[in-house]
């Protein structure tokens, strides 16, 4: 799920870059900078998703932070109305599901988190 979020951010960044070039933005420089910023932001969930795929314990923290930040974003999207309600609900559901999955004992065992040393 973290990989899908990173891919969606990367796609949004590419769309922003393309629209800054071929579209008619108020400020092409600002549109390009926004696209590059979104692409840079996509790197974090993509790197963390790779870490989860490889069962690296460092990857859990960034993904948890991303999901906690996604919850107020989802709430704001829902409050804005229109088609954003569905997008916000999907983002919120994905964030809650990912939070639950990341704190599940099977996930923490797989990542080597919270193990006690047996003597």
N, C-alpha and C. Protein backbone atom coordinates (compact mmCIF):
# COMPACT_ATOMS: atom_id res chain seq x y z
N UNK A 1 0.82 -1.19 0.00
CA UNK A 1 0.00 0.00 0.00
C UNK A 1 0.87 1.26 0.00
N UNK A 2 1.99 1.20 0.70
CA UNK A 2 2.89 2.36 0.71
C UNK A 2 3.46 2.60 -0.68
N UNK A 3 3.73 1.52 -1.39
CA UNK A 3 4.21 1.65 -2.76
C UNK A 3 3.18 2.28 -3.68
N UNK A 4 1.92 1.91 -3.49
CA UNK A 4 0.84 2.50 -4.29
C UNK A 4 0.71 3.99 -4.00
N UNK A 5 0.84 4.36 -2.73
CA UNK A 5 0.78 5.78 -2.38
C UNK A 5 1.95 6.54 -3.00
N UNK A 6 3.13 5.97 -2.95
CA UNK A 6 4.29 6.61 -3.56
C UNK A 6 4.15 6.73 -5.06
N UNK A 7 3.61 5.68 -5.69
CA UNK A 7 3.40 5.73 -7.14
C UNK A 7 2.36 6.78 -7.51
N UNK A 8 1.30 6.89 -6.70
CA UNK A 8 0.29 7.90 -6.97
C UNK A 8 0.87 9.31 -6.84
N UNK A 9 1.70 9.52 -5.82
CA UNK A 9 2.35 10.83 -5.68
C UNK A 9 3.28 11.12 -6.85
N UNK A 10 4.02 10.11 -7.28
CA UNK A 10 4.92 10.30 -8.42
C UNK A 10 4.14 10.63 -9.68
N UNK A 11 3.02 9.94 -9.89
CA UNK A 11 2.19 10.23 -11.06
C UNK A 11 1.64 11.65 -11.00
N UNK A 12 1.21 12.08 -9.81
CA UNK A 12 0.70 13.44 -9.64
C UNK A 12 1.81 14.45 -9.94
N UNK A 13 3.01 14.19 -9.47
CA UNK A 13 4.13 15.09 -9.74
C UNK A 13 4.45 15.19 -11.22
N UNK A 14 4.38 14.05 -11.92
CA UNK A 14 4.62 14.06 -13.36
C UNK A 14 3.53 14.84 -14.09
N UNK A 15 2.28 14.65 -13.67
CA UNK A 15 1.18 15.41 -14.28
C UNK A 15 1.39 16.91 -14.06
N UNK A 16 1.80 17.29 -12.85
CA UNK A 16 2.05 18.70 -12.57
C UNK A 16 3.17 19.25 -13.45
N UNK A 17 4.22 18.47 -13.64
CA UNK A 17 5.32 18.91 -14.51
C UNK A 17 4.84 19.08 -15.95
N UNK A 18 4.12 18.10 -16.45
CA UNK A 18 3.63 18.15 -17.84
C UNK A 18 2.67 19.33 -18.02
N UNK A 19 1.77 19.51 -17.07
CA UNK A 19 0.81 20.62 -17.19
C UNK A 19 1.52 21.98 -17.08
N UNK A 20 2.62 22.02 -16.35
CA UNK A 20 3.40 23.26 -16.29
C UNK A 20 4.06 23.59 -17.62
N UNK A 21 4.35 22.54 -18.41
CA UNK A 21 5.01 22.75 -19.70
C UNK A 21 3.98 22.97 -20.81
N UNK A 22 3.01 22.07 -20.93
CA UNK A 22 2.07 22.15 -22.05
C UNK A 22 0.78 22.88 -21.70
N UNK A 23 0.50 23.05 -20.42
CA UNK A 23 -0.72 23.74 -20.01
C UNK A 23 -0.52 25.25 -20.01
N UNK A 24 -1.47 25.93 -19.39
CA UNK A 24 -1.41 27.39 -19.31
C UNK A 24 -1.51 27.81 -17.84
N UNK A 25 -0.45 27.49 -17.04
CA UNK A 25 -0.51 27.86 -15.63
C UNK A 25 -0.28 29.36 -15.45
N UNK A 26 -0.74 29.87 -14.31
CA UNK A 26 -0.49 31.27 -13.99
C UNK A 26 1.00 31.54 -13.87
N UNK A 27 1.71 30.58 -13.29
CA UNK A 27 3.15 30.72 -13.12
C UNK A 27 3.82 29.39 -13.50
N UNK A 28 4.40 29.30 -14.70
CA UNK A 28 5.05 28.05 -15.10
C UNK A 28 6.16 27.62 -14.15
N UNK A 29 6.91 28.57 -13.62
CA UNK A 29 7.99 28.24 -12.70
C UNK A 29 7.42 27.62 -11.43
N UNK A 30 6.34 28.19 -10.93
CA UNK A 30 5.72 27.65 -9.72
C UNK A 30 5.13 26.26 -9.99
N UNK A 31 4.55 26.04 -11.16
CA UNK A 31 4.00 24.73 -11.51
C UNK A 31 5.10 23.69 -11.60
N UNK A 32 6.22 24.05 -12.20
CA UNK A 32 7.34 23.11 -12.30
C UNK A 32 7.94 22.82 -10.93
N UNK A 33 8.09 23.85 -10.12
CA UNK A 33 8.62 23.64 -8.76
C UNK A 33 7.68 22.76 -7.94
N UNK A 34 6.39 22.96 -8.10
CA UNK A 34 5.41 22.11 -7.40
C UNK A 34 5.52 20.66 -7.84
N UNK A 35 5.66 20.44 -9.12
CA UNK A 35 5.80 19.08 -9.65
C UNK A 35 7.05 18.40 -9.14
N UNK A 36 8.16 19.15 -9.12
CA UNK A 36 9.41 18.58 -8.61
C UNK A 36 9.31 18.29 -7.11
N UNK A 37 8.62 19.16 -6.38
CA UNK A 37 8.44 18.93 -4.95
C UNK A 37 7.63 17.67 -4.69
N UNK A 38 6.55 17.49 -5.44
CA UNK A 38 5.72 16.29 -5.26
C UNK A 38 6.51 15.04 -5.64
N UNK A 39 7.33 15.12 -6.68
CA UNK A 39 8.18 13.98 -7.04
C UNK A 39 9.17 13.67 -5.92
N UNK A 40 9.73 14.69 -5.31
CA UNK A 40 10.65 14.47 -4.20
C UNK A 40 9.92 13.85 -3.01
N UNK A 41 8.69 14.30 -2.75
CA UNK A 41 7.90 13.73 -1.66
C UNK A 41 7.53 12.28 -1.93
N UNK A 42 7.42 11.91 -3.19
CA UNK A 42 7.08 10.52 -3.54
C UNK A 42 8.23 9.58 -3.22
N UNK A 43 9.43 10.10 -3.13
CA UNK A 43 10.59 9.24 -2.86
C UNK A 43 10.50 8.58 -1.49
N UNK A 44 9.94 9.28 -0.50
CA UNK A 44 9.89 8.71 0.86
C UNK A 44 9.01 7.46 0.93
N UNK A 45 7.74 7.53 0.50
CA UNK A 45 6.95 6.30 0.57
C UNK A 45 7.46 5.19 -0.34
N UNK A 46 8.06 5.56 -1.47
CA UNK A 46 8.61 4.53 -2.35
C UNK A 46 9.82 3.84 -1.70
N UNK A 47 10.69 4.60 -1.08
CA UNK A 47 11.84 4.01 -0.39
C UNK A 47 11.38 3.17 0.79
N UNK A 48 10.40 3.67 1.54
CA UNK A 48 9.90 2.92 2.68
C UNK A 48 9.19 1.64 2.22
N UNK A 49 8.46 1.70 1.12
CA UNK A 49 7.80 0.50 0.59
C UNK A 49 8.84 -0.54 0.18
N UNK A 50 9.93 -0.09 -0.41
CA UNK A 50 11.02 -1.00 -0.76
C UNK A 50 11.60 -1.64 0.50
N UNK A 51 11.76 -0.82 1.54
CA UNK A 51 12.26 -1.36 2.81
C UNK A 51 11.33 -2.37 3.42
N UNK A 52 10.02 -2.11 3.35
CA UNK A 52 9.06 -3.10 3.86
C UNK A 52 9.11 -4.38 3.03
N UNK A 53 9.25 -4.23 1.73
CA UNK A 53 9.33 -5.39 0.84
C UNK A 53 10.53 -6.26 1.21
N UNK A 54 11.62 -5.61 1.58
CA UNK A 54 12.85 -6.32 1.95
C UNK A 54 12.91 -6.64 3.44
N UNK A 55 11.82 -6.35 4.19
CA UNK A 55 11.69 -6.62 5.63
C UNK A 55 12.77 -5.90 6.44
N UNK A 56 12.97 -4.63 6.14
CA UNK A 56 13.92 -3.80 6.89
C UNK A 56 13.17 -3.06 7.98
N UNK A 57 13.66 -3.14 9.20
CA UNK A 57 12.93 -2.54 10.32
C UNK A 57 12.87 -1.01 10.25
N UNK A 58 13.84 -0.35 9.61
CA UNK A 58 13.83 1.11 9.52
C UNK A 58 12.63 1.62 8.74
N UNK A 59 12.06 0.80 7.87
CA UNK A 59 11.01 1.27 6.96
C UNK A 59 9.66 1.47 7.64
N UNK A 60 9.45 0.84 8.79
CA UNK A 60 8.15 0.94 9.44
C UNK A 60 7.86 2.37 9.93
N UNK A 61 8.85 3.03 10.50
CA UNK A 61 8.67 4.38 11.04
C UNK A 61 8.20 5.39 10.00
N UNK A 62 8.90 5.50 8.85
CA UNK A 62 8.44 6.45 7.84
C UNK A 62 7.03 6.16 7.33
N UNK A 63 6.70 4.88 7.18
CA UNK A 63 5.36 4.55 6.69
C UNK A 63 4.31 4.91 7.73
N UNK A 64 4.59 4.66 9.01
CA UNK A 64 3.64 5.06 10.06
C UNK A 64 3.43 6.57 10.06
N UNK A 65 4.51 7.33 9.92
CA UNK A 65 4.40 8.79 9.90
C UNK A 65 3.57 9.26 8.70
N UNK A 66 3.81 8.66 7.55
CA UNK A 66 3.06 9.03 6.35
C UNK A 66 1.57 8.79 6.55
N UNK A 67 1.22 7.68 7.18
CA UNK A 67 -0.19 7.37 7.38
C UNK A 67 -0.84 8.30 8.39
N UNK A 68 -0.12 8.64 9.44
CA UNK A 68 -0.66 9.58 10.43
C UNK A 68 -0.89 10.95 9.79
N UNK A 69 0.00 11.36 8.91
CA UNK A 69 -0.17 12.63 8.20
C UNK A 69 -1.30 12.53 7.18
N UNK A 70 -1.51 11.37 6.60
CA UNK A 70 -2.55 11.19 5.60
C UNK A 70 -3.96 11.31 6.19
N UNK A 71 -4.12 11.01 7.48
CA UNK A 71 -5.46 11.07 8.07
C UNK A 71 -6.07 12.48 8.06
N UNK A 72 -5.36 13.53 8.52
CA UNK A 72 -5.96 14.86 8.42
C UNK A 72 -6.13 15.34 6.97
N UNK A 73 -5.25 14.88 6.09
CA UNK A 73 -5.41 15.22 4.67
C UNK A 73 -6.70 14.60 4.14
N UNK A 74 -6.95 13.35 4.50
CA UNK A 74 -8.18 12.68 4.08
C UNK A 74 -9.40 13.40 4.65
N UNK A 75 -9.33 13.80 5.90
CA UNK A 75 -10.46 14.51 6.53
C UNK A 75 -10.73 15.83 5.81
N UNK A 76 -9.69 16.55 5.46
CA UNK A 76 -9.85 17.81 4.74
C UNK A 76 -10.47 17.58 3.37
N UNK A 77 -10.05 16.51 2.70
CA UNK A 77 -10.62 16.19 1.39
C UNK A 77 -12.11 15.88 1.51
N UNK A 78 -12.47 15.12 2.54
CA UNK A 78 -13.88 14.78 2.76
C UNK A 78 -14.70 16.04 3.02
N UNK A 79 -14.15 16.96 3.80
CA UNK A 79 -14.86 18.19 4.14
C UNK A 79 -15.03 19.13 2.96
N UNK A 80 -14.20 18.98 1.93
CA UNK A 80 -14.28 19.90 0.79
C UNK A 80 -15.45 19.58 -0.13
N UNK A 81 -16.00 18.38 -0.02
CA UNK A 81 -17.21 18.03 -0.77
C UNK A 81 -16.93 17.59 -2.20
N UNK A 82 -18.00 17.31 -2.91
CA UNK A 82 -17.91 16.91 -4.31
C UNK A 82 -17.19 15.58 -4.49
N UNK A 83 -16.46 15.46 -5.60
CA UNK A 83 -15.76 14.19 -5.85
C UNK A 83 -14.60 13.94 -4.88
N UNK A 84 -14.21 14.97 -4.15
CA UNK A 84 -13.13 14.80 -3.18
C UNK A 84 -13.56 13.94 -2.00
N UNK A 85 -14.87 13.80 -1.79
CA UNK A 85 -15.36 12.96 -0.70
C UNK A 85 -14.90 11.52 -0.91
N UNK A 86 -15.08 11.01 -2.11
CA UNK A 86 -14.67 9.63 -2.39
C UNK A 86 -13.16 9.46 -2.29
N UNK A 87 -12.42 10.43 -2.82
CA UNK A 87 -10.96 10.34 -2.75
C UNK A 87 -10.47 10.41 -1.31
N UNK A 88 -11.07 11.29 -0.52
CA UNK A 88 -10.70 11.40 0.89
C UNK A 88 -11.05 10.15 1.68
N UNK A 89 -12.22 9.58 1.39
CA UNK A 89 -12.61 8.34 2.06
C UNK A 89 -11.65 7.20 1.71
N UNK A 90 -11.26 7.12 0.46
CA UNK A 90 -10.32 6.07 0.04
C UNK A 90 -8.96 6.27 0.71
N UNK A 91 -8.49 7.51 0.75
CA UNK A 91 -7.21 7.79 1.41
C UNK A 91 -7.28 7.48 2.89
N UNK A 92 -8.36 7.88 3.54
CA UNK A 92 -8.52 7.61 4.97
C UNK A 92 -8.59 6.12 5.26
N UNK A 93 -9.34 5.39 4.45
CA UNK A 93 -9.45 3.93 4.65
C UNK A 93 -8.10 3.26 4.44
N UNK A 94 -7.37 3.68 3.43
CA UNK A 94 -6.05 3.10 3.18
C UNK A 94 -5.09 3.41 4.33
N UNK A 95 -5.15 4.63 4.85
CA UNK A 95 -4.25 5.00 5.95
C UNK A 95 -4.56 4.19 7.20
N UNK A 96 -5.84 4.05 7.53
CA UNK A 96 -6.21 3.27 8.71
C UNK A 96 -5.81 1.81 8.52
N UNK A 97 -6.09 1.26 7.35
CA UNK A 97 -5.73 -0.14 7.09
C UNK A 97 -4.23 -0.35 7.21
N UNK A 98 -3.46 0.57 6.67
CA UNK A 98 -2.01 0.42 6.72
C UNK A 98 -1.48 0.57 8.14
N UNK A 99 -2.07 1.47 8.92
CA UNK A 99 -1.66 1.61 10.32
C UNK A 99 -1.93 0.32 11.08
N UNK A 100 -3.10 -0.27 10.87
CA UNK A 100 -3.44 -1.52 11.55
C UNK A 100 -2.49 -2.63 11.13
N UNK A 101 -2.22 -2.72 9.84
CA UNK A 101 -1.33 -3.78 9.36
C UNK A 101 0.10 -3.62 9.88
N UNK A 102 0.55 -2.39 10.01
CA UNK A 102 1.94 -2.17 10.44
C UNK A 102 2.17 -2.43 11.92
N UNK A 103 1.10 -2.37 12.75
CA UNK A 103 1.26 -2.65 14.17
C UNK A 103 0.82 -4.07 14.52
N UNK A 104 0.38 -4.83 13.54
CA UNK A 104 -0.03 -6.21 13.76
C UNK A 104 1.20 -7.02 14.20
N UNK A 105 1.02 -7.95 15.15
CA UNK A 105 2.16 -8.74 15.63
C UNK A 105 2.91 -9.49 14.52
N UNK A 106 2.21 -9.95 13.51
CA UNK A 106 2.90 -10.65 12.43
C UNK A 106 3.85 -9.71 11.69
N UNK A 107 3.45 -8.45 11.51
CA UNK A 107 4.31 -7.48 10.83
C UNK A 107 5.51 -7.12 11.70
N UNK A 108 5.28 -6.92 13.00
CA UNK A 108 6.40 -6.57 13.86
C UNK A 108 7.38 -7.73 13.97
N UNK A 109 6.87 -8.97 14.00
CA UNK A 109 7.77 -10.13 14.00
C UNK A 109 8.57 -10.21 12.71
N UNK A 110 7.90 -10.00 11.59
CA UNK A 110 8.58 -10.08 10.30
C UNK A 110 9.68 -9.02 10.17
N UNK A 111 9.45 -7.86 10.79
CA UNK A 111 10.44 -6.78 10.72
C UNK A 111 11.46 -6.85 11.85
N UNK A 112 11.28 -7.79 12.78
CA UNK A 112 12.22 -7.93 13.89
C UNK A 112 12.09 -6.83 14.92
N UNK A 113 10.88 -6.34 15.11
CA UNK A 113 10.64 -5.25 16.06
C UNK A 113 9.98 -5.83 17.30
N UNK A 114 10.46 -5.44 18.47
CA UNK A 114 9.83 -5.83 19.71
C UNK A 114 10.16 -7.22 20.19
N UNK A 115 11.17 -7.83 19.65
CA UNK A 115 11.56 -9.16 20.11
C UNK A 115 12.38 -9.05 21.38
N UNK A 116 12.15 -9.97 22.27
CA UNK A 116 12.96 -10.02 23.48
C UNK A 116 14.06 -11.06 23.30
N UNK A 117 15.16 -10.81 23.92
CA UNK A 117 16.30 -11.70 23.83
C UNK A 117 16.09 -12.84 24.83
N UNK A 118 16.13 -14.07 24.33
CA UNK A 118 15.99 -15.22 25.22
C UNK A 118 17.35 -15.61 25.73
N UNK A 119 17.41 -15.95 27.01
CA UNK A 119 18.69 -16.34 27.61
C UNK A 119 18.65 -17.76 28.05
